């Protein structure tokens, strides 16, 4: 068993790997953003860099899935996006990840099309010319600038958890959330909490951030 020491930050422990590298582990990996926290975080992100985070919160996609999106993956008429590169689930003996098609808001689609035109991105080009690590580092820097006290408790994966919790609060069924996130029901039940923790103001904030499509449930 690893011997992890507590840090001065509640819920965070640190240790040393066999190769001598220091690392930290969070006791609670279920942290998600409330809408006002998300607003605070996004204010710290440069306007030209916000779309990748908006794509993560809009789709609930893993960062590996989002950095592989191309313009050809959008159905502009139906406001759909197809996540082609998805997680390969070895325990289920998958040889290739299963693609997922998601409906997204018109507001988000307009932002994506504007980004494509402005950056002159070809249909087969990557939508975001950035690495997973660069996005992670940008997120950590911006969180530190925000007023979120436990900024260390967030990773890119917590944006995915935020999407799932918000969809549950907005009345999406468990089946639909599982399909959108690529989860099975047991994983959904373990990781997503009660929608009753959010109030009316929170739900209005979710709809504002995610777009009108998410308010119709």
N, C-alpha and C. Protein backbone atom coordinates (compact mmCIF):
# COMPACT_ATOMS: atom_id res chain seq x y z
N UNK A 1 0.85 -1.20 0.00
CA UNK A 1 0.00 0.00 0.00
C UNK A 1 0.89 1.25 0.00
N UNK A 2 0.50 2.23 -0.78
CA UNK A 2 1.27 3.46 -0.85
C UNK A 2 1.12 4.26 0.44
N UNK A 3 2.20 4.85 0.88
CA UNK A 3 2.17 5.68 2.08
C UNK A 3 2.04 7.14 1.65
N UNK A 4 0.82 7.64 1.68
CA UNK A 4 0.55 9.01 1.24
C UNK A 4 0.38 9.92 2.43
N UNK A 5 1.07 11.05 2.41
CA UNK A 5 0.99 12.01 3.49
C UNK A 5 -0.02 13.10 3.17
N UNK A 6 -0.69 13.60 4.21
CA UNK A 6 -1.61 14.71 4.02
C UNK A 6 -0.84 15.99 3.72
N UNK A 7 -1.42 16.84 2.91
CA UNK A 7 -0.83 18.14 2.63
C UNK A 7 -1.56 19.19 3.45
N UNK A 8 -1.19 20.45 3.27
CA UNK A 8 -1.89 21.53 3.98
C UNK A 8 -3.22 21.85 3.32
N UNK A 9 -3.55 21.15 2.25
CA UNK A 9 -4.82 21.35 1.56
C UNK A 9 -5.74 20.18 1.86
N UNK A 10 -6.90 20.48 2.40
CA UNK A 10 -7.83 19.44 2.82
C UNK A 10 -8.22 18.55 1.63
N UNK A 11 -8.12 17.23 1.83
CA UNK A 11 -8.52 16.30 0.79
C UNK A 11 -7.43 16.00 -0.23
N UNK A 12 -6.23 16.53 -0.04
CA UNK A 12 -5.13 16.30 -0.98
C UNK A 12 -3.99 15.61 -0.25
N UNK A 13 -3.47 14.53 -0.84
CA UNK A 13 -2.35 13.80 -0.26
C UNK A 13 -1.20 13.75 -1.26
N UNK A 14 0.00 13.64 -0.75
CA UNK A 14 1.17 13.61 -1.62
C UNK A 14 2.00 12.36 -1.34
N UNK A 15 2.79 11.98 -2.34
CA UNK A 15 3.64 10.80 -2.21
C UNK A 15 4.81 10.89 -3.17
N UNK A 16 5.67 9.88 -3.14
CA UNK A 16 6.84 9.81 -4.01
C UNK A 16 6.78 8.51 -4.82
N UNK A 17 6.92 8.63 -6.12
CA UNK A 17 6.94 7.45 -6.98
C UNK A 17 8.27 6.70 -6.82
N UNK A 18 8.35 5.49 -7.36
CA UNK A 18 9.56 4.68 -7.28
C UNK A 18 10.73 5.37 -7.96
N UNK A 19 10.41 6.18 -8.99
CA UNK A 19 11.48 6.88 -9.72
C UNK A 19 11.89 8.19 -9.03
N UNK A 20 11.32 8.45 -7.86
CA UNK A 20 11.68 9.64 -7.11
C UNK A 20 10.85 10.87 -7.40
N UNK A 21 9.91 10.76 -8.35
CA UNK A 21 9.07 11.90 -8.72
C UNK A 21 7.95 12.09 -7.70
N UNK A 22 7.71 13.33 -7.33
CA UNK A 22 6.61 13.63 -6.40
C UNK A 22 5.29 13.67 -7.16
N UNK A 23 4.22 13.28 -6.49
CA UNK A 23 2.89 13.34 -7.09
C UNK A 23 1.87 13.58 -5.99
N UNK A 24 0.67 13.94 -6.40
CA UNK A 24 -0.40 14.18 -5.43
C UNK A 24 -1.66 13.43 -5.85
N UNK A 25 -2.47 13.08 -4.87
CA UNK A 25 -3.71 12.34 -5.10
C UNK A 25 -4.83 13.02 -4.34
N UNK A 26 -5.96 13.20 -5.00
CA UNK A 26 -7.11 13.80 -4.34
C UNK A 26 -7.96 12.72 -3.69
N UNK A 27 -8.39 12.93 -2.44
CA UNK A 27 -9.29 11.99 -1.79
C UNK A 27 -10.66 11.98 -2.47
N UNK A 28 -11.11 13.14 -2.93
CA UNK A 28 -12.43 13.29 -3.52
C UNK A 28 -12.27 13.71 -4.98
N UNK A 29 -12.64 12.82 -5.90
CA UNK A 29 -12.52 13.11 -7.32
C UNK A 29 -13.85 13.53 -7.94
N UNK A 30 -14.85 13.75 -7.10
CA UNK A 30 -16.19 14.03 -7.60
C UNK A 30 -16.51 15.52 -7.68
N UNK A 31 -15.55 16.38 -7.44
CA UNK A 31 -15.79 17.83 -7.46
C UNK A 31 -16.25 18.27 -8.84
N UNK A 32 -17.21 19.18 -8.87
CA UNK A 32 -17.70 19.74 -10.12
C UNK A 32 -17.91 21.23 -9.93
N UNK A 33 -18.11 21.95 -11.03
CA UNK A 33 -18.34 23.39 -10.98
C UNK A 33 -19.81 23.69 -10.72
N UNK A 34 -20.10 24.65 -9.86
CA UNK A 34 -21.40 25.31 -9.84
C UNK A 34 -21.33 26.39 -10.93
N UNK A 35 -22.48 26.80 -11.47
CA UNK A 35 -22.45 27.78 -12.57
C UNK A 35 -21.68 29.06 -12.26
N UNK A 36 -21.81 29.58 -11.04
CA UNK A 36 -21.07 30.81 -10.72
C UNK A 36 -19.57 30.56 -10.67
N UNK A 37 -19.16 29.36 -10.27
CA UNK A 37 -17.74 29.01 -10.28
C UNK A 37 -17.22 28.89 -11.71
N UNK A 38 -18.04 28.31 -12.57
CA UNK A 38 -17.65 28.19 -13.98
C UNK A 38 -17.48 29.58 -14.60
N UNK A 39 -18.40 30.48 -14.31
CA UNK A 39 -18.30 31.85 -14.81
C UNK A 39 -17.00 32.50 -14.35
N UNK A 40 -16.68 32.31 -13.08
CA UNK A 40 -15.47 32.89 -12.50
C UNK A 40 -14.23 32.33 -13.20
N UNK A 41 -14.20 31.01 -13.39
CA UNK A 41 -13.08 30.37 -14.08
C UNK A 41 -12.93 30.89 -15.50
N UNK A 42 -14.03 30.95 -16.24
CA UNK A 42 -13.97 31.34 -17.65
C UNK A 42 -13.55 32.80 -17.83
N UNK A 43 -13.82 33.63 -16.86
CA UNK A 43 -13.38 35.03 -16.93
C UNK A 43 -11.86 35.14 -16.93
N UNK A 44 -11.19 34.13 -16.39
CA UNK A 44 -9.73 34.14 -16.31
C UNK A 44 -9.09 33.62 -17.60
N UNK A 45 -9.89 32.99 -18.45
CA UNK A 45 -9.38 32.42 -19.70
C UNK A 45 -9.43 33.47 -20.80
N UNK A 46 -8.36 33.60 -21.57
CA UNK A 46 -8.36 34.53 -22.69
C UNK A 46 -9.50 34.21 -23.65
N UNK A 47 -10.13 35.24 -24.20
CA UNK A 47 -11.27 35.03 -25.07
C UNK A 47 -10.95 34.11 -26.24
N UNK A 48 -9.73 34.21 -26.75
CA UNK A 48 -9.33 33.40 -27.91
C UNK A 48 -9.12 31.93 -27.55
N UNK A 49 -9.09 31.63 -26.25
CA UNK A 49 -8.84 30.25 -25.80
C UNK A 49 -10.07 29.60 -25.17
N UNK A 50 -11.16 30.33 -25.09
CA UNK A 50 -12.31 29.83 -24.34
C UNK A 50 -13.06 28.68 -25.02
N UNK A 51 -12.99 28.61 -26.35
CA UNK A 51 -13.84 27.65 -27.07
C UNK A 51 -13.55 26.21 -26.68
N UNK A 52 -12.30 25.88 -26.41
CA UNK A 52 -12.02 24.47 -26.06
C UNK A 52 -12.68 24.10 -24.74
N UNK A 53 -12.71 25.03 -23.79
CA UNK A 53 -13.39 24.75 -22.52
C UNK A 53 -14.90 24.73 -22.72
N UNK A 54 -15.40 25.58 -23.60
CA UNK A 54 -16.83 25.57 -23.92
C UNK A 54 -17.21 24.25 -24.59
N UNK A 55 -16.31 23.69 -25.39
CA UNK A 55 -16.57 22.41 -26.03
C UNK A 55 -16.59 21.29 -25.00
N UNK A 56 -15.70 21.34 -24.02
CA UNK A 56 -15.67 20.33 -22.97
C UNK A 56 -16.94 20.36 -22.13
N UNK A 57 -17.41 21.55 -21.74
CA UNK A 57 -18.61 21.64 -20.91
C UNK A 57 -19.87 21.36 -21.72
N UNK A 58 -19.85 21.71 -23.01
CA UNK A 58 -21.00 21.49 -23.87
C UNK A 58 -21.23 20.01 -24.17
N UNK A 59 -20.14 19.27 -24.41
CA UNK A 59 -20.25 17.87 -24.84
C UNK A 59 -20.06 16.87 -23.70
N UNK A 60 -19.34 17.28 -22.64
CA UNK A 60 -18.98 16.31 -21.61
C UNK A 60 -17.92 15.34 -22.11
N UNK A 61 -17.26 15.70 -23.21
CA UNK A 61 -16.26 14.81 -23.78
C UNK A 61 -14.97 14.78 -22.97
N UNK A 62 -14.26 13.68 -23.07
CA UNK A 62 -12.92 13.60 -22.50
C UNK A 62 -12.00 14.50 -23.31
N UNK A 63 -10.92 14.99 -22.69
CA UNK A 63 -10.03 15.89 -23.40
C UNK A 63 -9.42 15.20 -24.62
N UNK A 64 -9.13 13.90 -24.52
CA UNK A 64 -8.59 13.17 -25.67
C UNK A 64 -9.58 13.13 -26.83
N UNK A 65 -10.86 13.14 -26.52
CA UNK A 65 -11.88 13.15 -27.56
C UNK A 65 -12.02 14.52 -28.19
N UNK A 66 -11.96 15.56 -27.36
CA UNK A 66 -12.19 16.92 -27.83
C UNK A 66 -11.03 17.44 -28.69
N UNK A 67 -9.79 17.12 -28.33
CA UNK A 67 -8.66 17.63 -29.11
C UNK A 67 -8.57 16.95 -30.47
N UNK A 68 -9.35 15.92 -30.70
CA UNK A 68 -9.35 15.23 -31.99
C UNK A 68 -10.54 15.61 -32.88
N UNK A 69 -11.35 16.56 -32.44
CA UNK A 69 -12.50 16.99 -33.24
C UNK A 69 -12.04 17.75 -34.48
N UNK A 70 -12.71 17.49 -35.60
CA UNK A 70 -12.47 18.19 -36.85
C UNK A 70 -13.79 18.79 -37.34
N UNK A 71 -13.74 19.82 -38.17
CA UNK A 71 -14.99 20.40 -38.69
C UNK A 71 -15.89 19.38 -39.37
N UNK A 72 -15.31 18.38 -40.00
CA UNK A 72 -16.12 17.37 -40.69
C UNK A 72 -16.97 16.55 -39.73
N UNK A 73 -16.69 16.65 -38.43
CA UNK A 73 -17.44 15.88 -37.43
C UNK A 73 -18.77 16.54 -37.05
N UNK A 74 -19.04 17.73 -37.60
CA UNK A 74 -20.28 18.45 -37.28
C UNK A 74 -21.33 18.23 -38.36
N UNK A 75 -22.56 18.08 -37.92
CA UNK A 75 -23.73 18.14 -38.80
C UNK A 75 -24.35 19.51 -38.51
N UNK A 76 -24.04 20.47 -39.37
CA UNK A 76 -24.42 21.86 -39.11
C UNK A 76 -25.93 22.06 -39.14
N UNK A 77 -26.66 21.28 -39.93
CA UNK A 77 -28.11 21.45 -40.04
C UNK A 77 -28.83 20.91 -38.81
N UNK A 78 -28.31 19.84 -38.24
CA UNK A 78 -28.98 19.21 -37.08
C UNK A 78 -28.35 19.61 -35.75
N UNK A 79 -27.31 20.44 -35.79
CA UNK A 79 -26.61 20.83 -34.56
C UNK A 79 -26.06 19.62 -33.82
N UNK A 80 -25.47 18.71 -34.58
CA UNK A 80 -24.88 17.51 -34.00
C UNK A 80 -23.37 17.54 -34.13
N UNK A 81 -22.70 16.86 -33.21
CA UNK A 81 -21.26 16.66 -33.30
C UNK A 81 -20.98 15.18 -33.04
N UNK A 82 -20.07 14.62 -33.83
CA UNK A 82 -19.70 13.22 -33.68
C UNK A 82 -18.30 13.13 -33.09
N UNK A 83 -18.20 12.53 -31.93
CA UNK A 83 -16.90 12.29 -31.31
C UNK A 83 -16.36 10.97 -31.87
N UNK A 84 -15.41 11.08 -32.79
CA UNK A 84 -14.88 9.90 -33.49
C UNK A 84 -13.87 9.14 -32.64
N UNK A 85 -12.94 9.90 -32.03
CA UNK A 85 -11.88 9.29 -31.23
C UNK A 85 -12.35 9.23 -29.79
N UNK A 86 -12.66 8.04 -29.32
CA UNK A 86 -13.21 7.87 -27.98
C UNK A 86 -12.39 6.84 -27.20
N UNK A 87 -12.68 6.75 -25.93
CA UNK A 87 -11.93 5.86 -25.05
C UNK A 87 -12.14 4.40 -25.44
N UNK A 88 -11.03 3.65 -25.52
CA UNK A 88 -11.10 2.21 -25.76
C UNK A 88 -11.21 1.51 -24.41
N UNK A 89 -12.29 0.80 -24.20
CA UNK A 89 -12.54 0.15 -22.91
C UNK A 89 -12.03 -1.28 -22.97
N UNK A 90 -10.80 -1.46 -22.47
CA UNK A 90 -10.14 -2.76 -22.54
C UNK A 90 -10.89 -3.84 -21.77
N UNK A 91 -11.51 -3.44 -20.65
CA UNK A 91 -12.25 -4.42 -19.83
C UNK A 91 -13.43 -5.02 -20.59
N UNK A 92 -13.92 -4.25 -21.56
CA UNK A 92 -15.01 -4.76 -22.41
C UNK A 92 -14.49 -5.36 -23.70
N UNK A 93 -13.16 -5.53 -23.76
CA UNK A 93 -12.48 -6.15 -24.90
C UNK A 93 -12.71 -5.39 -26.19
N UNK A 94 -12.78 -4.05 -26.08
CA UNK A 94 -12.93 -3.24 -27.28
C UNK A 94 -11.59 -3.09 -27.99
N UNK A 95 -11.61 -3.14 -29.31
CA UNK A 95 -10.42 -2.92 -30.13
C UNK A 95 -10.33 -1.47 -30.57
N UNK A 96 -11.47 -0.81 -30.59
CA UNK A 96 -11.54 0.59 -30.99
C UNK A 96 -12.68 1.26 -30.20
N UNK A 97 -12.51 2.52 -29.87
CA UNK A 97 -13.54 3.23 -29.12
C UNK A 97 -14.80 3.43 -29.96
N UNK A 98 -15.94 3.44 -29.30
CA UNK A 98 -17.22 3.62 -29.99
C UNK A 98 -17.51 5.11 -30.16
N UNK A 99 -17.72 5.54 -31.40
CA UNK A 99 -18.04 6.94 -31.68
C UNK A 99 -19.39 7.29 -31.07
N UNK A 100 -19.53 8.56 -30.65
CA UNK A 100 -20.79 9.04 -30.07
C UNK A 100 -21.23 10.30 -30.82
N UNK A 101 -22.52 10.36 -31.15
CA UNK A 101 -23.08 11.56 -31.78
C UNK A 101 -23.95 12.28 -30.78
N UNK A 102 -23.68 13.58 -30.58
CA UNK A 102 -24.37 14.37 -29.58
C UNK A 102 -25.05 15.57 -30.22
N UNK A 103 -26.21 15.92 -29.70
CA UNK A 103 -26.85 17.17 -30.08
C UNK A 103 -26.29 18.27 -29.19
N UNK A 104 -26.00 19.43 -29.78
CA UNK A 104 -25.47 20.57 -29.03
C UNK A 104 -26.30 21.81 -29.34
N UNK A 105 -26.06 22.87 -28.62
CA UNK A 105 -26.89 24.06 -28.77
C UNK A 105 -26.54 24.88 -30.00
N UNK A 106 -27.50 25.64 -30.50
CA UNK A 106 -27.26 26.52 -31.64
C UNK A 106 -26.23 27.58 -31.31
N UNK A 107 -26.25 28.08 -30.08
CA UNK A 107 -25.29 29.09 -29.67
C UNK A 107 -23.86 28.56 -29.79
N UNK A 108 -23.66 27.34 -29.37
CA UNK A 108 -22.34 26.73 -29.45
C UNK A 108 -21.93 26.52 -30.92
N UNK A 109 -22.85 26.04 -31.72
CA UNK A 109 -22.57 25.82 -33.14
C UNK A 109 -22.13 27.12 -33.81
N UNK A 110 -22.78 28.23 -33.49
CA UNK A 110 -22.39 29.52 -34.08
C UNK A 110 -20.97 29.89 -33.68
N UNK A 111 -20.60 29.65 -32.43
CA UNK A 111 -19.24 29.96 -31.99
C UNK A 111 -18.22 29.11 -32.72
N UNK A 112 -18.54 27.84 -32.94
CA UNK A 112 -17.61 26.94 -33.64
C UNK A 112 -17.43 27.40 -35.09
N UNK A 113 -18.51 27.73 -35.76
CA UNK A 113 -18.42 28.14 -37.16
C UNK A 113 -17.62 29.45 -37.28
N UNK A 114 -17.81 30.34 -36.35
CA UNK A 114 -17.04 31.60 -36.35
C UNK A 114 -15.55 31.31 -36.16
N UNK A 115 -15.23 30.39 -35.27
CA UNK A 115 -13.85 30.00 -35.01
C UNK A 115 -13.22 29.40 -36.26
N UNK A 116 -13.96 28.55 -36.95
CA UNK A 116 -13.45 27.90 -38.16
C UNK A 116 -13.16 28.92 -39.25
N UNK A 117 -14.08 29.87 -39.43
CA UNK A 117 -13.87 30.90 -40.45
C UNK A 117 -12.68 31.80 -40.10
N UNK A 118 -12.62 32.21 -38.85
CA UNK A 118 -11.56 33.13 -38.43
C UNK A 118 -10.18 32.50 -38.52
N UNK A 119 -10.09 31.23 -38.18
CA UNK A 119 -8.80 30.53 -38.19
C UNK A 119 -8.52 29.83 -39.52
N UNK A 120 -9.48 29.93 -40.45
CA UNK A 120 -9.32 29.30 -41.78
C UNK A 120 -9.00 27.81 -41.63
N UNK A 121 -9.81 27.11 -40.87
CA UNK A 121 -9.59 25.69 -40.59
C UNK A 121 -10.28 24.84 -41.65
N UNK A 122 -9.54 23.93 -42.25
CA UNK A 122 -10.08 23.04 -43.27
C UNK A 122 -10.95 21.96 -42.67
N UNK A 123 -11.76 21.33 -43.49
CA UNK A 123 -12.71 20.33 -43.02
C UNK A 123 -12.03 19.15 -42.35
N UNK A 124 -10.81 18.82 -42.78
CA UNK A 124 -10.08 17.68 -42.22
C UNK A 124 -9.00 18.10 -41.23
N UNK A 125 -8.95 19.40 -40.93
CA UNK A 125 -7.98 19.88 -39.95
C UNK A 125 -8.54 19.73 -38.55
N UNK A 126 -7.66 19.70 -37.56
CA UNK A 126 -8.11 19.68 -36.17
C UNK A 126 -8.73 21.03 -35.81
N UNK A 127 -9.82 20.98 -35.06
CA UNK A 127 -10.50 22.21 -34.64
C UNK A 127 -9.62 23.01 -33.69
N UNK A 128 -8.85 22.30 -32.86
CA UNK A 128 -7.99 22.97 -31.87
C UNK A 128 -6.54 22.54 -32.08
N UNK A 129 -5.69 23.50 -32.33
CA UNK A 129 -4.27 23.23 -32.50
C UNK A 129 -3.58 23.35 -31.14
N UNK A 130 -3.84 22.37 -30.27
CA UNK A 130 -3.35 22.42 -28.90
C UNK A 130 -3.28 21.01 -28.35
N UNK A 131 -2.38 20.78 -27.40
CA UNK A 131 -2.24 19.46 -26.80
C UNK A 131 -3.05 19.36 -25.51
N UNK A 132 -3.31 18.14 -25.10
CA UNK A 132 -4.01 17.89 -23.84
C UNK A 132 -3.27 18.55 -22.68
N UNK A 133 -1.95 18.41 -22.64
CA UNK A 133 -1.17 18.96 -21.54
C UNK A 133 -1.26 20.49 -21.50
N UNK A 134 -1.26 21.12 -22.68
CA UNK A 134 -1.35 22.59 -22.73
C UNK A 134 -2.70 23.06 -22.20
N UNK A 135 -3.76 22.33 -22.51
CA UNK A 135 -5.09 22.69 -22.00
C UNK A 135 -5.13 22.54 -20.49
N UNK A 136 -4.53 21.46 -20.00
CA UNK A 136 -4.48 21.23 -18.55
C UNK A 136 -3.73 22.35 -17.84
N UNK A 137 -2.58 22.73 -18.37
CA UNK A 137 -1.80 23.79 -17.75
C UNK A 137 -2.54 25.13 -17.77
N UNK A 138 -3.22 25.41 -18.88
CA UNK A 138 -4.01 26.64 -18.98
C UNK A 138 -5.13 26.64 -17.93
N UNK A 139 -5.78 25.49 -17.77
CA UNK A 139 -6.85 25.39 -16.78
C UNK A 139 -6.32 25.65 -15.37
N UNK A 140 -5.20 25.05 -15.02
CA UNK A 140 -4.65 25.21 -13.67
C UNK A 140 -4.26 26.66 -13.41
N UNK A 141 -3.67 27.33 -14.41
CA UNK A 141 -3.28 28.73 -14.24
C UNK A 141 -4.50 29.61 -14.01
N UNK A 142 -5.54 29.37 -14.79
CA UNK A 142 -6.74 30.20 -14.69
C UNK A 142 -7.50 29.93 -13.40
N UNK A 143 -7.50 28.69 -12.95
CA UNK A 143 -8.15 28.37 -11.68
C UNK A 143 -7.47 29.09 -10.51
N UNK A 144 -6.15 29.17 -10.56
CA UNK A 144 -5.42 29.85 -9.50
C UNK A 144 -5.75 31.34 -9.45
N UNK A 145 -6.09 31.91 -10.60
CA UNK A 145 -6.45 33.33 -10.66
C UNK A 145 -7.89 33.56 -10.20
N UNK A 146 -8.68 32.51 -10.18
CA UNK A 146 -10.09 32.64 -9.80
C UNK A 146 -10.24 32.71 -8.29
N UNK A 147 -11.49 32.89 -7.85
CA UNK A 147 -11.76 32.94 -6.40
C UNK A 147 -12.14 31.57 -5.84
N UNK A 148 -12.01 30.51 -6.66
CA UNK A 148 -12.33 29.16 -6.20
C UNK A 148 -11.25 28.71 -5.21
N UNK A 149 -11.64 28.45 -3.98
CA UNK A 149 -10.67 28.19 -2.92
C UNK A 149 -9.96 26.86 -3.09
N UNK A 150 -10.68 25.83 -3.53
CA UNK A 150 -10.05 24.52 -3.71
C UNK A 150 -9.72 24.29 -5.19
N UNK A 151 -9.04 25.24 -5.80
CA UNK A 151 -8.71 25.14 -7.23
C UNK A 151 -7.89 23.89 -7.53
N UNK A 152 -7.08 23.45 -6.57
CA UNK A 152 -6.25 22.25 -6.75
C UNK A 152 -7.08 20.99 -6.92
N UNK A 153 -8.37 21.06 -6.56
CA UNK A 153 -9.24 19.89 -6.59
C UNK A 153 -9.84 19.62 -7.97
N UNK A 154 -9.48 20.44 -8.95
CA UNK A 154 -10.04 20.31 -10.30
C UNK A 154 -9.02 19.81 -11.30
N UNK A 155 -9.47 18.96 -12.19
CA UNK A 155 -8.70 18.56 -13.36
C UNK A 155 -9.63 18.70 -14.57
N UNK A 156 -9.12 18.44 -15.75
CA UNK A 156 -9.97 18.53 -16.94
C UNK A 156 -11.15 17.56 -16.84
N UNK A 157 -10.93 16.43 -16.19
CA UNK A 157 -12.01 15.44 -16.09
C UNK A 157 -13.18 15.95 -15.25
N UNK A 158 -12.92 16.92 -14.37
CA UNK A 158 -14.00 17.46 -13.56
C UNK A 158 -14.98 18.29 -14.38
N UNK A 159 -14.54 18.77 -15.55
CA UNK A 159 -15.49 19.46 -16.44
C UNK A 159 -16.50 18.45 -16.96
N UNK A 160 -16.05 17.25 -17.25
CA UNK A 160 -16.93 16.16 -17.69
C UNK A 160 -17.94 15.81 -16.60
N UNK A 161 -17.47 15.75 -15.35
CA UNK A 161 -18.37 15.47 -14.23
C UNK A 161 -19.39 16.60 -14.07
N UNK A 162 -18.94 17.83 -14.33
CA UNK A 162 -19.84 18.98 -14.26
C UNK A 162 -20.96 18.84 -15.28
N UNK A 163 -20.62 18.48 -16.51
CA UNK A 163 -21.62 18.29 -17.54
C UNK A 163 -22.66 17.25 -17.12
N UNK A 164 -22.21 16.12 -16.61
CA UNK A 164 -23.13 15.06 -16.20
C UNK A 164 -24.05 15.49 -15.08
N UNK A 165 -23.51 16.19 -14.09
CA UNK A 165 -24.34 16.66 -12.98
C UNK A 165 -25.34 17.71 -13.42
N UNK A 166 -24.91 18.60 -14.31
CA UNK A 166 -25.82 19.63 -14.81
C UNK A 166 -26.94 19.02 -15.63
N UNK A 167 -26.62 18.06 -16.50
CA UNK A 167 -27.67 17.44 -17.30
C UNK A 167 -28.69 16.73 -16.41
N UNK A 168 -28.20 16.10 -15.35
CA UNK A 168 -29.12 15.44 -14.41
C UNK A 168 -30.03 16.46 -13.75
N UNK A 169 -29.46 17.60 -13.36
CA UNK A 169 -30.24 18.66 -12.71
C UNK A 169 -31.26 19.26 -13.66
N UNK A 170 -30.97 19.25 -14.98
CA UNK A 170 -31.87 19.84 -15.96
C UNK A 170 -32.90 18.84 -16.49
N UNK A 171 -32.92 17.64 -15.92
CA UNK A 171 -33.99 16.70 -16.24
C UNK A 171 -33.68 15.69 -17.32
N UNK A 172 -32.43 15.59 -17.76
CA UNK A 172 -32.07 14.55 -18.73
C UNK A 172 -32.15 13.19 -18.05
N UNK A 173 -32.59 12.18 -18.78
CA UNK A 173 -32.70 10.84 -18.22
C UNK A 173 -31.32 10.21 -18.03
N UNK A 174 -31.25 9.23 -17.15
CA UNK A 174 -29.98 8.52 -16.93
C UNK A 174 -29.50 7.86 -18.21
N UNK A 175 -30.44 7.29 -18.99
CA UNK A 175 -30.07 6.63 -20.25
C UNK A 175 -29.40 7.61 -21.20
N UNK A 176 -29.98 8.79 -21.33
CA UNK A 176 -29.43 9.76 -22.27
C UNK A 176 -28.08 10.29 -21.81
N UNK A 177 -27.94 10.52 -20.52
CA UNK A 177 -26.65 11.00 -20.00
C UNK A 177 -25.58 9.94 -20.23
N UNK A 178 -25.92 8.68 -20.01
CA UNK A 178 -24.96 7.59 -20.24
C UNK A 178 -24.56 7.53 -21.71
N UNK A 179 -25.52 7.69 -22.61
CA UNK A 179 -25.20 7.67 -24.04
C UNK A 179 -24.31 8.84 -24.42
N UNK A 180 -24.59 10.01 -23.87
CA UNK A 180 -23.81 11.20 -24.21
C UNK A 180 -22.38 11.10 -23.69
N UNK A 181 -22.22 10.55 -22.49
CA UNK A 181 -20.90 10.50 -21.87
C UNK A 181 -20.14 9.21 -22.17
N UNK A 182 -20.82 8.22 -22.74
CA UNK A 182 -20.17 6.95 -22.99
C UNK A 182 -19.96 6.13 -21.74
N UNK A 183 -20.91 6.26 -20.79
CA UNK A 183 -20.85 5.54 -19.51
C UNK A 183 -21.83 4.37 -19.53
N UNK A 184 -21.58 3.39 -18.63
CA UNK A 184 -22.64 2.43 -18.33
C UNK A 184 -23.39 2.96 -17.11
N UNK A 185 -24.52 2.34 -16.80
CA UNK A 185 -25.39 2.85 -15.73
C UNK A 185 -24.70 2.81 -14.37
N UNK A 186 -23.92 1.77 -14.09
CA UNK A 186 -23.25 1.66 -12.79
C UNK A 186 -22.26 2.80 -12.58
N UNK A 187 -21.53 3.16 -13.64
CA UNK A 187 -20.59 4.28 -13.54
C UNK A 187 -21.34 5.57 -13.28
N UNK A 188 -22.45 5.74 -13.98
CA UNK A 188 -23.28 6.94 -13.79
C UNK A 188 -23.75 7.05 -12.35
N UNK A 189 -24.23 5.95 -11.79
CA UNK A 189 -24.76 5.97 -10.42
C UNK A 189 -23.68 6.25 -9.39
N UNK A 190 -22.44 5.83 -9.68
CA UNK A 190 -21.34 6.05 -8.74
C UNK A 190 -20.85 7.49 -8.74
N UNK A 191 -20.93 8.14 -9.89
CA UNK A 191 -20.22 9.41 -10.05
C UNK A 191 -21.09 10.67 -10.11
N UNK A 192 -22.40 10.52 -10.22
CA UNK A 192 -23.24 11.70 -10.39
C UNK A 192 -24.26 11.77 -9.27
N UNK A 193 -24.29 12.92 -8.58
CA UNK A 193 -25.07 13.08 -7.36
C UNK A 193 -26.50 13.53 -7.58
N UNK A 194 -27.12 13.91 -6.48
CA UNK A 194 -28.52 14.33 -6.49
C UNK A 194 -28.68 15.69 -7.15
N UNK A 195 -29.69 15.86 -8.02
CA UNK A 195 -29.94 17.17 -8.62
C UNK A 195 -30.47 18.18 -7.63
N UNK A 196 -30.88 17.71 -6.44
CA UNK A 196 -31.47 18.61 -5.45
C UNK A 196 -30.45 19.52 -4.78
N UNK A 197 -29.16 19.30 -5.04
CA UNK A 197 -28.15 20.18 -4.47
C UNK A 197 -28.12 21.54 -5.18
N UNK A 198 -28.76 21.62 -6.35
CA UNK A 198 -28.79 22.87 -7.11
C UNK A 198 -30.10 23.60 -6.87
N UNK A 199 -30.05 24.94 -6.84
CA UNK A 199 -31.28 25.72 -6.72
C UNK A 199 -31.69 26.28 -8.09
N UNK A 200 -32.77 27.04 -8.08
CA UNK A 200 -33.31 27.58 -9.35
C UNK A 200 -32.28 28.47 -10.05
N UNK A 201 -31.58 29.28 -9.29
CA UNK A 201 -30.57 30.16 -9.87
C UNK A 201 -29.47 29.35 -10.55
N UNK A 202 -29.07 28.25 -9.91
CA UNK A 202 -28.07 27.37 -10.51
C UNK A 202 -28.56 26.83 -11.85
N UNK A 203 -29.82 26.38 -11.87
CA UNK A 203 -30.35 25.78 -13.11
C UNK A 203 -30.45 26.81 -14.23
N UNK A 204 -30.83 28.02 -13.89
CA UNK A 204 -30.87 29.08 -14.89
C UNK A 204 -29.46 29.36 -15.42
N UNK A 205 -28.47 29.30 -14.54
CA UNK A 205 -27.09 29.50 -14.95
C UNK A 205 -26.63 28.39 -15.89
N UNK A 206 -27.03 27.15 -15.60
CA UNK A 206 -26.67 26.03 -16.47
C UNK A 206 -27.22 26.22 -17.88
N UNK A 207 -28.48 26.64 -17.96
CA UNK A 207 -29.12 26.85 -19.27
C UNK A 207 -28.42 27.98 -20.02
N UNK A 208 -28.08 29.05 -19.31
CA UNK A 208 -27.37 30.17 -19.94
C UNK A 208 -26.02 29.72 -20.49
N UNK A 209 -25.29 28.91 -19.74
CA UNK A 209 -23.96 28.49 -20.14
C UNK A 209 -24.01 27.44 -21.25
N UNK A 210 -24.91 26.47 -21.11
CA UNK A 210 -24.97 25.38 -22.07
C UNK A 210 -25.74 25.74 -23.34
N UNK A 211 -26.71 26.64 -23.22
CA UNK A 211 -27.51 27.03 -24.37
C UNK A 211 -28.95 26.58 -24.26
N UNK A 212 -29.78 27.12 -25.12
CA UNK A 212 -31.23 26.90 -25.01
C UNK A 212 -31.64 25.45 -25.19
N UNK A 213 -30.89 24.68 -25.97
CA UNK A 213 -31.25 23.27 -26.18
C UNK A 213 -31.36 22.53 -24.85
N UNK A 214 -30.57 22.93 -23.87
CA UNK A 214 -30.55 22.24 -22.59
C UNK A 214 -31.65 22.69 -21.66
N UNK A 215 -32.40 23.68 -22.03
CA UNK A 215 -33.48 24.14 -21.18
C UNK A 215 -34.82 23.57 -21.55
N UNK A 216 -34.85 22.70 -22.57
CA UNK A 216 -36.12 22.19 -23.07
C UNK A 216 -36.52 20.86 -22.50
N UNK A 217 -35.88 20.45 -21.40
CA UNK A 217 -36.19 19.14 -20.82
C UNK A 217 -37.06 19.30 -19.57
